[in-house]
Amino acid sequence: GIGLCRTEHMFFGEERLPVVREMILAKDVEARKAALKKLLPFQKQDFIDMLQAMEGLPVTIRLLDPPLHEFLPTAPEEQERVAKQLGVALRELRDTVNALHEFNPMLGHRGCRLGITYPEITDMQARAILSAACELGREGIVAEPEIMIPLVGHVTELRHQKRRIQMVADEVFNENGTCIRYQVGTMIEVPRAALTAGEIAEEAEFFS
């Protein structure tokens, strides 16, 4: 199978990056959901292709992990171009880039903490994965997705994100009239996660 599928690189495609930037610059939840709705078909097709190629084998898919500033331009001329493309003020774009930049993002706003602040991002990715698996299941193709919650440091973070995924799974299975097997787990990658791994294991279905 595949031990680590990193989804962030899927968002750098030419058609997708402007929509990701639109999501980051969204001023409210509804605007963010509108941008994520545009990303959903891309993500779903990614997972259809991948799970079909890996038929019958497990694929561990890590949800969006990096800090958001990595999706925004830093060069002044590129910032001007992107501001025009998205119809936002240049100052607003630069302020967002500066606000999102972090000295130590491993401790900052990324990984599961991004999904907790903006649960609609987790919802979109979970929907894309599980919808893809259901679609393949109807065609007789066995898909085995394992959804990895990134950068968990405490069991409460995993519990929060796992509940979001379970909620989306219930919706997707009802819509498709079918269920598929999936797992939710995490990567033990920060010291606090290692020290509290026993508690995290009570919620996680797998560790990496």
C-alpha atoms as a PDB file:
ATOM      1  CA  GLY A   1       0.000   0.000   0.000  1.00  0.00           C
ATOM      2  CA  ILE A   2       0.907   3.667   0.369  1.00  0.00           C
ATOM      3  CA  GLY A   3       2.170   4.690   3.807  1.00  0.00           C
ATOM      4  CA  LEU A   4       1.937   8.460   3.321  1.00  0.00           C
ATOM      5  CA  CYS A   5       0.023  10.375   0.670  1.00  0.00           C
ATOM      6  CA  ARG A   6       0.650  14.098   1.288  1.00  0.00           C
ATOM      7  CA  THR A   7      -2.357  16.074   0.044  1.00  0.00           C
ATOM      8  CA  GLU A   8      -0.845  19.586   0.217  1.00  0.00           C
ATOM      9  CA  HIS A   9       1.045  19.144  -3.059  1.00  0.00           C
ATOM     10  CA  MET A  10      -2.250  18.444  -4.827  1.00  0.00           C
ATOM     11  CA  PHE A  11      -3.251  22.085  -4.218  1.00  0.00           C
ATOM     12  CA  PHE A  12      -0.370  23.655  -6.148  1.00  0.00           C
ATOM     13  CA  GLY A  13      -1.835  22.774  -9.571  1.00  0.00           C
ATOM     14  CA  GLU A  14      -2.388  25.690 -11.968  1.00  0.00           C
ATOM     15  CA  GLU A  15      -6.198  25.471 -11.756  1.00  0.00           C
ATOM     16  CA  ARG A  16      -6.252  24.893  -8.001  1.00  0.00           C
ATOM     17  CA  LEU A  17      -3.803  27.357  -6.470  1.00  0.00           C
ATOM     18  CA  PRO A  18      -5.963  30.451  -7.195  1.00  0.00           C
ATOM     19  CA  VAL A  19      -8.911  28.734  -5.486  1.00  0.00           C
ATOM     20  CA  VAL A  20      -6.755  27.811  -2.465  1.00  0.00           C
ATOM     21  CA  ARG A  21      -5.688  31.447  -2.221  1.00  0.00           C
ATOM     22  CA  GLU A  22      -9.329  32.498  -2.480  1.00  0.00           C
ATOM     23  CA  MET A  23     -10.065  30.202   0.475  1.00  0.00           C
ATOM     24  CA  ILE A  24      -7.209  31.647   2.553  1.00  0.00           C
ATOM     25  CA  LEU A  25      -8.278  35.229   1.877  1.00  0.00           C
ATOM     26  CA  ALA A  26     -11.977  34.513   2.563  1.00  0.00           C
ATOM     27  CA  LYS A  27     -13.418  36.929   5.103  1.00  0.00           C
ATOM     28  CA  ASP A  28     -16.031  34.551   6.535  1.00  0.00           C
ATOM     29  CA  VAL A  29     -17.054  30.894   6.742  1.00  0.00           C
ATOM     30  CA  GLU A  30     -19.471  31.079   3.806  1.00  0.00           C
ATOM     31  CA  ALA A  31     -16.828  32.529   1.471  1.00  0.00           C
ATOM     32  CA  ARG A  32     -14.367  29.854   2.619  1.00  0.00           C
ATOM     33  CA  LYS A  33     -16.938  27.098   2.032  1.00  0.00           C
ATOM     34  CA  ALA A  34     -17.627  28.484  -1.460  1.00  0.00           C
ATOM     35  CA  ALA A  35     -13.928  28.204  -2.350  1.00  0.00           C
ATOM     36  CA  LEU A  36     -13.699  24.705  -0.849  1.00  0.00           C
ATOM     37  CA  LYS A  37     -16.721  23.638  -2.908  1.00  0.00           C
ATOM     38  CA  LYS A  38     -14.700  24.502  -6.034  1.00  0.00           C
ATOM     39  CA  LEU A  39     -11.764  22.396  -4.765  1.00  0.00           C
ATOM     40  CA  LEU A  40     -13.878  19.341  -3.909  1.00  0.00           C
ATOM     41  CA  PRO A  41     -14.171  17.916  -7.482  1.00  0.00           C
ATOM     42  CA  PHE A  42     -10.393  18.165  -7.982  1.00  0.00           C
ATOM     43  CA  GLN A  43      -9.698  16.384  -4.694  1.00  0.00           C
ATOM     44  CA  LYS A  44     -12.307  13.711  -5.329  1.00  0.00           C
ATOM     45  CA  GLN A  45     -10.824  12.885  -8.743  1.00  0.00           C
ATOM     46  CA  ASP A  46      -7.339  12.717  -7.197  1.00  0.00           C
ATOM     47  CA  PHE A  47      -8.539  10.078  -4.763  1.00  0.00           C
ATOM     48  CA  ILE A  48     -10.568   8.166  -7.361  1.00  0.00           C
ATOM     49  CA  ASP A  49      -7.442   7.830  -9.518  1.00  0.00           C
ATOM     50  CA  MET A  50      -5.220   6.888  -6.595  1.00  0.00           C
ATOM     51  CA  LEU A  51      -7.536   4.418  -4.881  1.00  0.00           C
ATOM     52  CA  GLN A  52      -8.382   2.781  -8.202  1.00  0.00           C
ATOM     53  CA  ALA A  53      -4.676   2.274  -8.963  1.00  0.00           C
ATOM     54  CA  MET A  54      -4.184   0.830  -5.461  1.00  0.00           C
ATOM     55  CA  GLU A  55      -7.250  -1.434  -5.598  1.00  0.00           C
ATOM     56  CA  GLY A  56      -7.536  -3.634  -2.525  1.00  0.00           C
ATOM     57  CA  LEU A  57      -4.465  -2.097  -0.864  1.00  0.00           C
ATOM     58  CA  PRO A  58      -4.475   0.428   1.999  1.00  0.00           C
ATOM     59  CA  VAL A  59      -3.651   4.080   1.277  1.00  0.00           C
ATOM     60  CA  THR A  60      -2.796   6.397   4.175  1.00  0.00           C
ATOM     61  CA  ILE A  61      -3.944   9.908   3.215  1.00  0.00           C
ATOM     62  CA  ARG A  62      -2.707  12.782   5.368  1.00  0.00           C
ATOM     63  CA  LEU A  63      -5.015  15.780   5.562  1.00  0.00           C
ATOM     64  CA  LEU A  64      -3.745  19.290   4.783  1.00  0.00           C
ATOM     65  CA  ASP A  65      -0.617  19.863   6.850  1.00  0.00           C
ATOM     66  CA  PRO A  66       1.418  23.012   6.013  1.00  0.00           C
ATOM     67  CA  PRO A  67       0.958  26.554   7.347  1.00  0.00           C
ATOM     68  CA  LEU A  68      -1.274  28.571   5.000  1.00  0.00           C
ATOM     69  CA  HIS A  69       1.358  31.199   4.157  1.00  0.00           C
ATOM     70  CA  GLU A  70       3.113  28.591   1.993  1.00  0.00           C
ATOM     71  CA  PHE A  71       0.280  28.941  -0.537  1.00  0.00           C
ATOM     72  CA  LEU A  72       0.675  32.723  -0.809  1.00  0.00           C
ATOM     73  CA  PRO A  73       3.325  34.594  -2.832  1.00  0.00           C
ATOM     74  CA  THR A  74       6.202  36.397  -1.110  1.00  0.00           C
ATOM     75  CA  ALA A  75       7.818  38.208  -4.078  1.00  0.00           C
ATOM     76  CA  PRO A  76       6.345  41.747  -4.485  1.00  0.00           C
ATOM     77  CA  GLU A  77       5.655  41.384  -8.227  1.00  0.00           C
ATOM     78  CA  GLU A  78       3.930  38.035  -7.689  1.00  0.00           C
ATOM     79  CA  GLN A  79       1.839  39.538  -4.879  1.00  0.00           C
ATOM     80  CA  GLU A  80       0.686  42.307  -7.251  1.00  0.00           C
ATOM     81  CA  ARG A  81      -0.290  39.750  -9.904  1.00  0.00           C
ATOM     82  CA  VAL A  82      -2.197  37.554  -7.435  1.00  0.00           C
ATOM     83  CA  ALA A  83      -3.988  40.540  -5.857  1.00  0.00           C
ATOM     84  CA  LYS A  84      -5.265  41.557  -9.309  1.00  0.00           C
ATOM     85  CA  GLN A  85      -6.199  37.973 -10.179  1.00  0.00           C
ATOM     86  CA  LEU A  86      -8.267  37.556  -6.987  1.00  0.00           C
ATOM     87  CA  GLY A  87      -9.664  41.103  -6.980  1.00  0.00           C
ATOM     88  CA  VAL A  88      -8.298  41.988  -3.538  1.00  0.00           C
ATOM     89  CA  ALA A  89      -6.303  45.002  -2.371  1.00  0.00           C
ATOM     90  CA  LEU A  90      -2.531  44.516  -2.491  1.00  0.00           C
ATOM     91  CA  ARG A  91      -2.216  45.764   1.093  1.00  0.00           C
ATOM     92  CA  GLU A  92      -4.790  43.171   2.220  1.00  0.00           C
ATOM     93  CA  LEU A  93      -2.844  40.354   0.554  1.00  0.00           C
ATOM     94  CA  ARG A  94       0.456  41.518   2.073  1.00  0.00           C
ATOM     95  CA  ASP A  95      -1.118  41.883   5.507  1.00  0.00           C
ATOM     96  CA  THR A  96      -2.438  38.293   5.244  1.00  0.00           C
ATOM     97  CA  VAL A  97       0.988  36.947   4.227  1.00  0.00           C
ATOM     98  CA  ASN A  98       2.641  38.748   7.158  1.00  0.00           C
ATOM     99  CA  ALA A  99      -0.041  37.633   9.616  1.00  0.00           C
ATOM    100  CA  LEU A 100       0.236  33.972   8.586  1.00  0.00           C
ATOM    101  CA  HIS A 101       4.028  33.772   8.621  1.00  0.00           C
ATOM    102  CA  GLU A 102       5.337  31.919  11.683  1.00  0.00           C
ATOM    103  CA  PHE A 103       8.784  31.600  13.233  1.00  0.00           C
ATOM    104  CA  ASN A 104       8.153  27.996  14.340  1.00  0.00           C
ATOM    105  CA  PRO A 105       5.136  26.628  12.449  1.00  0.00           C
ATOM    106  CA  MET A 106       5.562  23.169  14.030  1.00  0.00           C
ATOM    107  CA  LEU A 107       4.069  24.801  17.139  1.00  0.00           C
ATOM    108  CA  GLY A 108       1.788  27.141  15.216  1.00  0.00           C
ATOM    109  CA  HIS A 109      -1.267  27.251  13.013  1.00  0.00           C
ATOM    110  CA  ARG A 110      -0.972  24.166  10.825  1.00  0.00           C
ATOM    111  CA  GLY A 111      -1.879  20.486  10.725  1.00  0.00           C
ATOM    112  CA  CYS A 112      -4.804  19.479  12.938  1.00  0.00           C
ATOM    113  CA  ARG A 113      -4.883  22.983  14.426  1.00  0.00           C
ATOM    114  CA  LEU A 114      -5.806  24.307  10.985  1.00  0.00           C
ATOM    115  CA  GLY A 115      -8.616  21.733  10.815  1.00  0.00           C
ATOM    116  CA  ILE A 116      -9.858  22.715  14.274  1.00  0.00           C
ATOM    117  CA  THR A 117      -9.924  26.433  13.420  1.00  0.00           C
ATOM    118  CA  TYR A 118     -11.399  25.813   9.963  1.00  0.00           C
ATOM    119  CA  PRO A 119     -13.282  22.483  10.244  1.00  0.00           C
ATOM    120  CA  GLU A 120     -14.744  23.034   6.776  1.00  0.00           C
ATOM    121  CA  ILE A 121     -11.275  22.183   5.351  1.00  0.00           C
ATOM    122  CA  THR A 122     -11.319  18.805   7.123  1.00  0.00           C
ATOM    123  CA  ASP A 123     -14.925  18.282   5.984  1.00  0.00           C
ATOM    124  CA  MET A 124     -14.054  18.892   2.324  1.00  0.00           C
ATOM    125  CA  GLN A 125     -11.082  16.530   2.323  1.00  0.00           C
ATOM    126  CA  ALA A 126     -12.964  13.794   4.196  1.00  0.00           C
ATOM    127  CA  ARG A 127     -15.884  14.127   1.757  1.00  0.00           C
ATOM    128  CA  ALA A 128     -13.526  13.872  -1.235  1.00  0.00           C
ATOM    129  CA  ILE A 129     -11.826  10.729   0.123  1.00  0.00           C
ATOM    130  CA  LEU A 130     -14.983   8.921   1.210  1.00  0.00           C
ATOM    131  CA  SER A 131     -17.046   9.904  -1.857  1.00  0.00           C
ATOM    132  CA  ALA A 132     -14.255   8.612  -4.094  1.00  0.00           C
ATOM    133  CA  ALA A 133     -14.145   5.316  -2.187  1.00  0.00           C
ATOM    134  CA  CYS A 134     -17.954   4.931  -2.380  1.00  0.00           C
ATOM    135  CA  GLU A 135     -17.966   5.632  -6.124  1.00  0.00           C
ATOM    136  CA  LEU A 136     -15.301   3.003  -6.694  1.00  0.00           C
ATOM    137  CA  GLY A 137     -17.171   0.584  -4.422  1.00  0.00           C
ATOM    138  CA  ARG A 138     -20.242   0.812  -6.676  1.00  0.00           C
ATOM    139  CA  GLU A 139     -17.988  -0.267  -9.556  1.00  0.00           C
ATOM    140  CA  GLY A 140     -16.784  -3.275  -7.567  1.00  0.00           C
ATOM    141  CA  ILE A 141     -13.372  -1.738  -6.792  1.00  0.00           C
ATOM    142  CA  VAL A 142     -12.288  -2.180  -3.167  1.00  0.00           C
ATOM    143  CA  ALA A 143     -10.812   1.020  -1.718  1.00  0.00           C
ATOM    144  CA  GLU A 144      -9.185   1.107   1.721  1.00  0.00           C
ATOM    145  CA  PRO A 145      -8.489   4.716   2.757  1.00  0.00           C
ATOM    146  CA  GLU A 146      -6.763   5.442   6.057  1.00  0.00           C
ATOM    147  CA  ILE A 147      -7.256   9.100   6.998  1.00  0.00           C
ATOM    148  CA  MET A 148      -4.320  10.603   8.877  1.00  0.00           C
ATOM    149  CA  ILE A 149      -4.818  13.630  11.141  1.00  0.00           C
ATOM    150  CA  PRO A 150      -1.535  15.596  11.036  1.00  0.00           C
ATOM    151  CA  LEU A 151       0.513  17.074  13.892  1.00  0.00           C
ATOM    152  CA  VAL A 152      -1.651  15.852  16.751  1.00  0.00           C
ATOM    153  CA  GLY A 153      -0.102  16.686  20.124  1.00  0.00           C
ATOM    154  CA  HIS A 154      -2.985  15.754  22.417  1.00  0.00           C
ATOM    155  CA  VAL A 155      -5.876  13.296  22.282  1.00  0.00           C
ATOM    156  CA  THR A 156      -8.477  16.107  22.319  1.00  0.00           C
ATOM    157  CA  GLU A 157      -7.188  17.353  18.943  1.00  0.00           C
ATOM    158  CA  LEU A 158      -7.553  13.909  17.390  1.00  0.00           C
ATOM    159  CA  ARG A 159     -10.974  13.431  18.985  1.00  0.00           C
ATOM    160  CA  HIS A 160     -12.239  16.725  17.524  1.00  0.00           C
ATOM    161  CA  GLN A 161     -11.062  15.935  13.990  1.00  0.00           C
ATOM    162  CA  LYS A 162     -12.182  12.296  14.138  1.00  0.00           C
ATOM    163  CA  ARG A 163     -15.715  13.399  15.040  1.00  0.00           C
ATOM    164  CA  ARG A 164     -15.784  15.763  12.040  1.00  0.00           C
ATOM    165  CA  ILE A 165     -14.728  12.905   9.759  1.00  0.00           C
ATOM    166  CA  GLN A 166     -17.308  10.534  11.238  1.00  0.00           C
ATOM    167  CA  MET A 167     -20.021  13.170  10.741  1.00  0.00           C
ATOM    168  CA  VAL A 168     -19.029  13.603   7.080  1.00  0.00           C
ATOM    169  CA  ALA A 169     -18.830   9.816   6.643  1.00  0.00           C
ATOM    170  CA  ASP A 170     -22.425   9.427   7.859  1.00  0.00           C
ATOM    171  CA  GLU A 171     -23.572  12.052   5.335  1.00  0.00           C
ATOM    172  CA  VAL A 172     -21.606  10.532   2.438  1.00  0.00           C
ATOM    173  CA  PHE A 173     -22.765   6.972   3.188  1.00  0.00           C
ATOM    174  CA  ASN A 174     -26.404   8.103   3.391  1.00  0.00           C
ATOM    175  CA  GLU A 175     -26.108   9.989   0.097  1.00  0.00           C
ATOM    176  CA  ASN A 176     -24.498   7.012  -1.657  1.00  0.00           C
ATOM    177  CA  GLY A 177     -26.598   4.311  -0.039  1.00  0.00           C
ATOM    178  CA  THR A 178     -23.459   2.354   0.738  1.00  0.00           C
ATOM    179  CA  CYS A 179     -20.687   2.124   3.348  1.00  0.00           C
ATOM    180  CA  ILE A 180     -16.977   1.522   2.911  1.00  0.00           C
ATOM    181  CA  ARG A 181     -14.350   0.586   5.436  1.00  0.00           C
ATOM    182  CA  TYR A 182     -12.036   3.393   6.508  1.00  0.00           C
ATOM    183  CA  GLN A 183      -9.775   4.200   9.439  1.00  0.00           C
ATOM    184  CA  VAL A 184      -8.786   7.405  11.226  1.00  0.00           C
ATOM    185  CA  GLY A 185      -5.343   7.692  12.775  1.00  0.00           C
ATOM    186  CA  THR A 186      -2.409  10.038  13.206  1.00  0.00           C
ATOM    187  CA  MET A 187       1.336  10.520  12.884  1.00  0.00           C
ATOM    188  CA  ILE A 188       3.357  10.725  16.081  1.00  0.00           C
ATOM    189  CA  GLU A 189       5.694  13.554  15.045  1.00  0.00           C
ATOM    190  CA  VAL A 190       5.969  16.015  17.942  1.00  0.00           C
ATOM    191  CA  PRO A 191       7.341  15.341  21.463  1.00  0.00           C
ATOM    192  CA  ARG A 192       3.994  15.918  23.187  1.00  0.00           C
ATOM    193  CA  ALA A 193       2.369  13.271  20.980  1.00  0.00           C
ATOM    194  CA  ALA A 194       5.110  10.789  21.907  1.00  0.00           C
ATOM    195  CA  LEU A 195       4.664  11.527  25.627  1.00  0.00           C
ATOM    196  CA  THR A 196       0.857  11.209  25.466  1.00  0.00           C
ATOM    197  CA  ALA A 197       0.776   8.391  22.893  1.00  0.00           C
ATOM    198  CA  GLY A 198      -1.061   6.071  25.302  1.00  0.00           C
ATOM    199  CA  GLU A 199      -4.017   8.465  25.505  1.00  0.00           C
ATOM    200  CA  ILE A 200      -3.952   9.194  21.766  1.00  0.00           C
ATOM    201  CA  ALA A 201      -4.018   5.443  21.087  1.00  0.00           C
ATOM    202  CA  GLU A 202      -7.454   5.240  22.726  1.00  0.00           C
ATOM    203  CA  GLU A 203      -8.852   7.270  19.796  1.00  0.00           C
ATOM    204  CA  ALA A 204      -6.478   6.457  16.925  1.00  0.00           C
ATOM    205  CA  GLU A 205      -7.010   3.380  14.758  1.00  0.00           C
ATOM    206  CA  PHE A 206      -3.422   3.495  13.512  1.00  0.00           C
ATOM    207  CA  PHE A 207      -0.143   5.304  14.210  1.00  0.00           C
ATOM    208  CA  SER A 208       2.580   6.337  11.799  1.00  0.00           C
END
